[in-house]
């Protein structure tokens, strides 16, 4: 709880309603809206009353392309859908976001993100690349490959496994020797 409160105090930006990306050299918050807020959901550090706002942002048109979550929102000044870190979509990053959405009780949003990445995988013959361009699915009917993306790439190859865990609602209890399932599958599965 002390860590959670210190995190809230240092990183929550009430004027915009999301967590700062980091603190600059003067300990001032960097107010860029990035996919990292989904990592915060995944870690469990987000105050429960803030998770709905983050779920809304992560699945908004400025963040969600239809194929996955952009690393930087399209409303940010540095946004470039063909930039390595400033607007592209990383499958493993989106899988972490989906897991964070699921963990915080936003099953519909988790399903949306997971489905987008898995549909992108179909367009890449089942082999997700390291990253793809952050263009909107409504503009480009297929994910736009990033010119120098590695494929195969370990992070991307692991993403479908995490997405399967998210979709199955699989929660292993290693000490107890059990696994709990609470599936929420895309239509047609």
Protein backbone atom coordinates (compact mmCIF):
# COMPACT_ATOMS: atom_id res chain seq x y z
CA UNK A 1 0.00 0.00 0.00
CA UNK A 2 2.89 2.37 0.73
CA UNK A 3 4.36 1.67 -2.72
CA UNK A 4 0.95 2.13 -4.37
CA UNK A 5 0.49 5.49 -2.62
CA UNK A 6 3.99 6.66 -3.56
CA UNK A 7 3.28 5.62 -7.17
CA UNK A 8 -0.02 7.52 -7.17
CA UNK A 9 1.58 10.62 -5.69
CA UNK A 10 4.45 10.66 -8.18
CA UNK A 11 2.79 9.52 -11.40
CA UNK A 12 -0.98 10.19 -11.48
CA UNK A 13 -1.86 13.17 -13.69
CA UNK A 14 -5.31 14.36 -12.59
CA UNK A 15 -5.55 17.00 -15.32
CA UNK A 16 -5.43 14.37 -18.08
CA UNK A 17 -6.51 11.23 -16.22
CA UNK A 18 -3.59 8.88 -16.77
CA UNK A 19 -0.21 7.99 -15.33
CA UNK A 20 2.95 9.80 -16.38
CA UNK A 21 5.36 7.86 -18.55
CA UNK A 22 8.15 8.77 -16.15
CA UNK A 23 9.79 11.65 -14.34
CA UNK A 24 12.30 13.93 -16.03
CA UNK A 25 15.67 15.04 -14.57
CA UNK A 26 13.84 17.64 -12.44
CA UNK A 27 11.37 15.00 -11.17
CA UNK A 28 8.59 16.53 -13.26
CA UNK A 29 6.11 14.08 -14.82
CA UNK A 30 6.34 13.24 -18.52
CA UNK A 31 2.72 13.47 -19.57
CA UNK A 32 2.78 11.31 -22.73
CA UNK A 33 -0.06 8.82 -23.07
CA UNK A 34 1.56 5.47 -23.81
CA UNK A 35 0.75 1.79 -23.70
CA UNK A 36 2.74 1.65 -20.47
CA UNK A 37 -0.42 2.48 -18.53
CA UNK A 38 -1.58 -1.01 -19.52
CA UNK A 39 1.56 -2.42 -17.91
CA UNK A 40 0.53 -0.61 -14.74
CA UNK A 41 -2.82 -2.43 -14.88
CA UNK A 42 -0.98 -5.72 -15.42
CA UNK A 43 1.27 -5.13 -12.40
CA UNK A 44 -1.70 -4.49 -10.12
CA UNK A 45 -0.41 -1.13 -8.88
CA UNK A 46 -3.30 0.92 -10.32
CA UNK A 47 -5.85 2.20 -7.83
CA UNK A 48 -9.10 0.32 -8.58
CA UNK A 49 -11.04 3.55 -9.14
CA UNK A 50 -8.66 4.51 -11.96
CA UNK A 51 -8.77 1.29 -13.99
CA UNK A 52 -11.95 2.12 -15.94
CA UNK A 53 -10.41 5.37 -17.19
CA UNK A 54 -7.27 3.52 -18.33
CA UNK A 55 -9.33 0.80 -20.04
CA UNK A 56 -11.26 3.50 -21.88
CA UNK A 57 -8.04 5.20 -23.01
CA UNK A 58 -6.28 1.99 -24.07
CA UNK A 59 -9.18 0.97 -26.32
CA UNK A 60 -9.88 4.46 -27.65
CA UNK A 61 -9.15 5.30 -31.32
CA UNK A 62 -6.07 7.26 -30.29
CA UNK A 63 -4.51 4.17 -28.71
CA UNK A 64 -6.13 1.08 -30.25
CA UNK A 65 -5.56 0.55 -33.97
CA UNK A 66 -7.82 -2.46 -34.36
CA UNK A 67 -4.68 -4.63 -34.59
CA UNK A 68 -3.26 -3.74 -31.17
CA UNK A 69 -2.38 -0.87 -28.85
CA UNK A 70 -0.05 1.88 -30.02
CA UNK A 71 3.06 2.59 -27.98
CA UNK A 72 2.16 6.31 -28.10
CA UNK A 73 -1.28 7.84 -28.54
CA UNK A 74 -2.03 9.42 -31.90
CA UNK A 75 -2.94 12.65 -30.07
CA UNK A 76 0.63 13.12 -28.78
CA UNK A 77 2.98 15.55 -30.55
CA UNK A 78 5.70 12.91 -31.13
CA UNK A 79 3.24 10.37 -32.60
CA UNK A 80 4.39 8.68 -35.77
CA UNK A 81 2.75 5.37 -36.77
CA UNK A 82 6.02 4.31 -38.42
CA UNK A 83 8.22 5.17 -35.44
CA UNK A 84 9.83 2.31 -33.54
CA UNK A 85 8.57 3.51 -30.13
CA UNK A 86 6.34 6.52 -30.87
CA UNK A 87 3.19 4.98 -32.30
CA UNK A 88 3.95 1.50 -33.57
CA UNK A 89 2.20 -1.62 -32.24
CA UNK A 90 4.22 -4.31 -30.48
CA UNK A 91 2.36 -7.64 -30.14
CA UNK A 92 3.98 -8.49 -26.79
CA UNK A 93 3.18 -5.01 -25.46
CA UNK A 94 -0.47 -5.38 -26.49
CA UNK A 95 -0.56 -8.84 -24.87
CA UNK A 96 0.61 -7.29 -21.60
CA UNK A 97 -2.07 -4.61 -21.99
CA UNK A 98 -4.72 -7.31 -22.58
CA UNK A 99 -3.52 -9.16 -19.47
CA UNK A 100 -3.71 -5.92 -17.48
CA UNK A 101 -7.22 -5.22 -18.71
CA UNK A 102 -8.27 -8.76 -17.77
CA UNK A 103 -6.60 -8.52 -14.35
CA UNK A 104 -8.43 -5.28 -13.58
CA UNK A 105 -11.82 -6.71 -14.54
CA UNK A 106 -12.19 -5.17 -18.00
CA UNK A 107 -12.96 -8.38 -19.87
CA UNK A 108 -14.60 -6.75 -22.91
CA UNK A 109 -11.59 -4.52 -23.47
CA UNK A 110 -9.17 -7.43 -22.94
CA UNK A 111 -11.11 -9.45 -25.52
CA UNK A 112 -10.96 -6.54 -27.99
CA UNK A 113 -7.18 -6.15 -27.70
CA UNK A 114 -6.50 -9.90 -27.73
CA UNK A 115 -8.73 -10.40 -30.78
CA UNK A 116 -6.99 -7.58 -32.66
CA UNK A 117 -3.53 -9.06 -32.14
CA UNK A 118 -4.67 -12.59 -33.02
CA UNK A 119 -6.36 -11.30 -36.18
CA UNK A 120 -3.13 -9.51 -37.08
CA UNK A 121 -1.29 -12.81 -36.60
CA UNK A 122 -3.55 -14.38 -39.23
CA UNK A 123 -2.42 -11.67 -41.69
CA UNK A 124 1.21 -12.54 -40.94
CA UNK A 125 0.64 -16.26 -41.60
CA UNK A 126 0.55 -17.01 -37.88
CA UNK A 127 3.95 -15.47 -37.24
CA UNK A 128 3.69 -12.16 -35.42
CA UNK A 129 6.51 -9.73 -36.15
CA UNK A 130 8.44 -7.81 -33.53
CA UNK A 131 6.23 -4.80 -34.26
CA UNK A 132 3.94 -3.35 -36.92
CA UNK A 133 3.10 0.19 -37.94
CA UNK A 134 0.46 1.93 -35.87
CA UNK A 135 -1.94 2.76 -38.70
CA UNK A 136 -5.65 2.46 -38.02
CA UNK A 137 -7.44 -0.68 -39.19
CA UNK A 138 -10.22 1.50 -40.62
CA UNK A 139 -7.72 3.06 -43.03
CA UNK A 140 -5.63 -0.03 -43.85
CA UNK A 141 -7.53 -3.33 -44.04
CA UNK A 142 -4.41 -5.31 -43.11
CA UNK A 143 -1.71 -4.52 -40.55
CA UNK A 144 1.11 -2.55 -42.13
CA UNK A 145 4.45 -4.33 -41.62
CA UNK A 146 7.24 -2.38 -39.97
CA UNK A 147 10.07 -2.30 -42.52
CA UNK A 148 12.84 -3.70 -40.31
CA UNK A 149 10.85 -5.82 -37.83
CA UNK A 150 12.39 -9.11 -36.83
CA UNK A 151 10.30 -12.20 -37.52
CA UNK A 152 10.45 -14.53 -35.79
CA UNK A 153 11.12 -12.62 -32.63
CA UNK A 154 10.89 -14.10 -29.13
CA UNK A 155 8.67 -11.45 -27.52
CA UNK A 156 6.22 -11.57 -30.40
CA UNK A 157 6.25 -15.38 -30.46
CA UNK A 158 5.29 -15.44 -26.77
CA UNK A 159 2.38 -12.99 -27.21
CA UNK A 160 -0.21 -15.57 -28.44
CA UNK A 161 0.54 -17.76 -25.42
CA UNK A 162 -0.22 -14.87 -23.05
CA UNK A 163 -3.30 -13.98 -25.09
CA UNK A 164 -4.52 -17.58 -24.81
CA UNK A 165 -4.10 -17.36 -21.03
CA UNK A 166 -6.06 -14.07 -21.06
CA UNK A 167 -8.87 -15.47 -23.22
CA UNK A 168 -9.13 -18.63 -21.12
CA UNK A 169 -9.03 -16.60 -17.91
CA UNK A 170 -6.41 -19.12 -16.76
CA UNK A 171 -5.12 -18.46 -13.25
CA UNK A 172 -2.61 -21.06 -12.08
CA UNK A 173 -2.16 -21.76 -8.38
CA UNK A 174 1.18 -23.55 -8.34
CA UNK A 175 1.34 -24.17 -4.56
CA UNK A 176 -2.23 -25.47 -4.62
CA UNK A 177 -1.70 -27.52 -7.76
CA UNK A 178 -4.78 -26.13 -9.48
CA UNK A 179 -5.73 -23.90 -12.37
CA UNK A 180 -8.91 -21.87 -12.55
CA UNK A 181 -10.48 -21.12 -15.91
CA UNK A 182 -12.91 -18.33 -16.72
CA UNK A 183 -13.02 -18.29 -20.53
CA UNK A 184 -14.09 -15.32 -22.61
CA UNK A 185 -13.49 -16.25 -26.23
CA UNK A 186 -13.86 -14.31 -29.47
CA UNK A 187 -16.99 -15.05 -31.48
CA UNK A 188 -16.53 -18.03 -33.74
CA UNK A 189 -14.05 -19.86 -31.51
